[in-house]
Amino acid sequence: MTQEEKKIINDAIRDIPDFPKPGIIFKDITTLLNDKDAYGVLMNHLAKRYKSYDLDFIAGIDARGFIFGAALAQMLGCGFVPIRKKGKLPYTTISEKYSLEYGFDEVEIHIDAFRDIKNAKVLLIDDLIATGGTANAAASLINKTGAKCEEACFILGLNFLDGQDKLKKQTKVYTLIGID
């Protein structure tokens, strides 16, 4: 990705100071999504990057990963699989718990999400990686089904947290824009 393309994407993301609590600068991607040019630059870059991966599926993390994952799956001609918060999927699931600052959360996937394709090649995608709890749980779920998480892709990565380093123990990680 060129520096100009990164700038187009980065400039389309709005900063919201003190959200959800004082001292945090929230990266609002809704402004990226409603900017057809910036969103187009992003999706064309991702399609170009992943075209040679010969992916069977793209798995998106609830909920913003759905936005990028479903569109990219269509562009690449592969299937899309949602990884959801516990209790949101209607069929038989497997789940993975992960730690939060004060407690636990859980994500799940349908047991037949990858249609019994042996060693299905899967790209995991979401908008942002911070501490990596959700992403690690999602990658683990993909691998537990017998598929292979080929790479995890994020639009934004909080470099000052260790989420990307933790996830690299499970799969390759690609982040378009790092935030220091």
Protein backbone atom coordinates (compact mmCIF):
# COMPACT_ATOMS: atom_id res chain seq x y z
CA MET A 1 0.00 0.00 0.00
CA THR A 2 1.38 3.38 -0.94
CA GLN A 3 1.76 6.20 1.55
CA GLU A 4 -0.84 8.16 -0.43
CA GLU A 5 -3.34 5.29 -0.11
CA LYS A 6 -2.65 5.01 3.62
CA LYS A 7 -3.20 8.75 3.98
CA ILE A 8 -6.54 8.55 2.13
CA ILE A 9 -7.72 5.80 4.49
CA ASN A 10 -6.31 7.39 7.64
CA ASP A 11 -7.76 10.80 6.79
CA ALA A 12 -11.20 9.21 6.38
CA ILE A 13 -11.17 7.91 9.98
CA ARG A 14 -12.54 10.33 12.56
CA ASP A 15 -11.01 10.72 16.03
CA ILE A 16 -13.49 11.01 18.91
CA PRO A 17 -11.73 12.24 22.06
CA ASP A 18 -12.74 10.92 25.49
CA PHE A 19 -14.91 8.08 24.16
CA PRO A 20 -15.95 5.73 25.70
CA LYS A 21 -14.18 7.27 28.69
CA PRO A 22 -11.84 10.18 29.41
CA GLY A 23 -8.34 9.86 27.98
CA ILE A 24 -9.27 7.49 25.14
CA ILE A 25 -9.25 8.63 21.52
CA PHE A 26 -11.77 6.45 19.71
CA LYS A 27 -11.09 5.71 16.04
CA ASP A 28 -14.48 6.02 14.31
CA ILE A 29 -14.55 4.04 11.05
CA THR A 30 -18.09 5.12 10.11
CA THR A 31 -16.55 8.06 8.28
CA LEU A 32 -14.34 5.65 6.33
CA LEU A 33 -17.36 3.54 5.41
CA ASN A 34 -19.37 6.48 4.11
CA ASP A 35 -16.47 7.81 2.04
CA LYS A 36 -16.83 5.83 -1.19
CA ASP A 37 -13.36 6.77 -2.42
CA ALA A 38 -11.51 5.87 0.79
CA TYR A 39 -13.52 2.67 1.26
CA GLY A 40 -12.80 1.77 -2.37
CA VAL A 41 -9.05 2.33 -1.89
CA LEU A 42 -9.14 0.10 1.19
CA MET A 43 -11.14 -2.73 -0.34
CA ASN A 44 -9.18 -2.71 -3.62
CA HIS A 45 -5.93 -2.90 -1.63
CA LEU A 46 -7.21 -5.84 0.41
CA ALA A 47 -8.49 -7.66 -2.68
CA LYS A 48 -5.12 -7.19 -4.40
CA ARG A 49 -3.21 -8.36 -1.32
CA TYR A 50 -5.28 -11.50 -0.73
CA LYS A 51 -5.98 -12.55 -4.32
CA SER A 52 -2.97 -14.88 -4.41
CA TYR A 53 -3.80 -16.50 -1.04
CA ASP A 54 -6.38 -18.78 -2.70
CA LEU A 55 -8.67 -18.42 0.33
CA ASP A 56 -11.70 -20.61 0.89
CA PHE A 57 -13.32 -18.27 3.42
CA ILE A 58 -13.05 -14.96 5.15
CA ALA A 59 -14.13 -14.86 8.79
CA GLY A 60 -15.21 -11.50 10.20
CA ILE A 61 -15.36 -10.66 13.88
CA ASP A 62 -18.64 -9.27 15.22
CA ALA A 63 -19.58 -6.69 14.11
CA ARG A 64 -17.29 -4.39 12.15
CA GLY A 65 -15.33 -7.32 10.74
CA PHE A 66 -18.56 -8.27 8.95
CA ILE A 67 -18.46 -5.01 6.96
CA PHE A 68 -14.99 -5.60 5.57
CA GLY A 69 -15.10 -9.40 5.48
CA ALA A 70 -18.32 -9.87 3.54
CA ALA A 71 -17.35 -7.30 0.92
CA LEU A 72 -13.87 -8.81 0.54
CA ALA A 73 -15.26 -12.35 0.29
CA GLN A 74 -17.48 -11.22 -2.58
CA MET A 75 -14.55 -9.54 -4.31
CA LEU A 76 -12.39 -12.67 -3.97
CA GLY A 77 -15.11 -15.16 -4.81
CA CYS A 78 -15.01 -17.04 -1.52
CA GLY A 79 -17.38 -17.63 1.38
CA PHE A 80 -17.93 -15.42 4.42
CA VAL A 81 -18.21 -16.71 7.99
CA PRO A 82 -19.34 -14.58 10.94
CA ILE A 83 -17.67 -15.00 14.32
CA ARG A 84 -20.23 -13.70 16.80
CA LYS A 85 -20.66 -12.88 20.45
CA LYS A 86 -22.10 -15.78 22.45
CA GLY A 87 -25.78 -16.50 21.91
CA LYS A 88 -26.16 -14.80 18.51
CA LEU A 89 -25.82 -17.77 16.15
CA PRO A 90 -28.87 -19.99 15.55
CA TYR A 91 -27.24 -23.38 14.90
CA THR A 92 -24.87 -25.62 16.88
CA THR A 93 -21.69 -23.74 17.78
CA ILE A 94 -18.30 -24.04 19.38
CA SER A 95 -17.09 -21.19 21.52
CA GLU A 96 -13.96 -19.68 22.97
CA LYS A 97 -13.71 -17.55 26.11
CA TYR A 98 -11.21 -14.76 26.49
CA SER A 99 -10.14 -12.36 29.21
CA LEU A 100 -11.24 -8.78 29.54
CA GLU A 101 -9.87 -6.20 31.96
CA TYR A 102 -12.63 -7.09 34.43
CA GLY A 103 -14.00 -10.51 33.53
CA PHE A 104 -14.50 -12.65 30.47
CA ASP A 105 -16.32 -12.63 27.15
CA GLU A 106 -16.97 -15.34 24.60
CA VAL A 107 -17.19 -15.67 20.82
CA GLU A 108 -18.60 -18.54 18.82
CA ILE A 109 -18.80 -20.02 15.36
CA HIS A 110 -21.07 -22.62 13.75
CA ILE A 111 -19.58 -26.09 13.91
CA ASP A 112 -20.04 -26.44 10.15
CA ALA A 113 -18.90 -22.90 9.28
CA PHE A 114 -16.31 -24.09 6.78
CA ARG A 115 -18.57 -26.67 5.09
CA ASP A 116 -16.37 -29.66 5.91
CA ILE A 117 -13.63 -28.41 3.59
CA LYS A 118 -10.50 -30.08 4.95
CA ASN A 119 -7.85 -27.55 5.93
CA ALA A 120 -9.95 -24.66 4.62
CA LYS A 121 -7.80 -21.57 4.17
CA VAL A 122 -9.30 -18.71 6.15
CA LEU A 123 -8.51 -15.02 6.53
CA LEU A 124 -9.64 -13.45 9.80
CA ILE A 125 -10.58 -9.77 9.55
CA ASP A 126 -11.67 -6.96 11.88
CA ASP A 127 -11.41 -3.20 12.03
CA LEU A 128 -9.01 -2.91 14.98
CA ILE A 129 -6.69 -4.93 17.18
CA ALA A 130 -5.94 -3.68 20.69
CA THR A 131 -5.13 -6.25 23.40
CA GLY A 132 -5.92 -9.11 21.03
CA GLY A 133 -8.31 -11.08 23.25
CA THR A 134 -11.14 -11.30 20.73
CA ALA A 135 -8.81 -11.88 17.77
CA ASN A 136 -6.92 -14.67 19.55
CA ALA A 137 -10.18 -16.37 20.50
CA ALA A 138 -11.46 -16.04 16.91
CA ALA A 139 -8.25 -17.46 15.40
CA SER A 140 -8.38 -20.32 17.89
CA LEU A 141 -11.99 -21.09 16.89
CA ILE A 142 -11.06 -21.19 13.21
CA ASN A 143 -8.26 -23.64 13.92
CA LYS A 144 -10.45 -25.78 16.22
CA THR A 145 -12.85 -26.44 13.34
CA GLY A 146 -10.03 -28.04 11.33
CA ALA A 147 -9.61 -24.99 9.12
CA LYS A 148 -6.41 -22.92 9.07
CA CYS A 149 -6.26 -19.25 9.94
CA GLU A 150 -3.81 -18.15 7.23
CA GLU A 151 -3.58 -14.56 8.45
CA ALA A 152 -5.40 -12.01 10.59
CA CYS A 153 -6.00 -8.61 9.00
CA PHE A 154 -6.86 -5.35 10.75
CA ILE A 155 -7.43 -1.87 9.41
CA LEU A 156 -6.00 -0.32 12.59
CA GLY A 157 -3.58 -1.68 15.17
CA LEU A 158 -2.84 -0.13 18.55
CA ASN A 159 0.94 -0.62 18.59
CA PHE A 160 1.27 0.47 22.22
CA LEU A 161 -0.67 -2.64 23.30
CA ASP A 162 0.59 -6.19 22.86
CA GLY A 163 -2.34 -7.70 20.96
CA GLN A 164 -0.55 -8.07 17.64
CA ASP A 165 2.46 -9.76 19.26
CA LYS A 166 0.21 -12.21 21.12
CA LEU A 167 -1.71 -13.07 17.96
CA LYS A 168 1.51 -13.65 15.98
CA LYS A 169 2.03 -16.77 18.12
CA GLN A 170 -1.03 -18.26 16.35
CA THR A 171 -1.04 -16.76 12.86
CA LYS A 172 0.47 -14.10 10.65
CA VAL A 173 -0.83 -10.57 11.29
CA TYR A 174 -1.32 -7.75 8.80
CA THR A 175 -2.24 -4.25 9.98
CA LEU A 176 -2.73 -1.44 7.51
CA ILE A 177 -2.33 1.49 9.90
CA GLY A 178 -0.43 1.30 13.16
CA ILE A 179 -1.26 3.73 15.93
CA ASP A 180 1.56 4.52 18.36
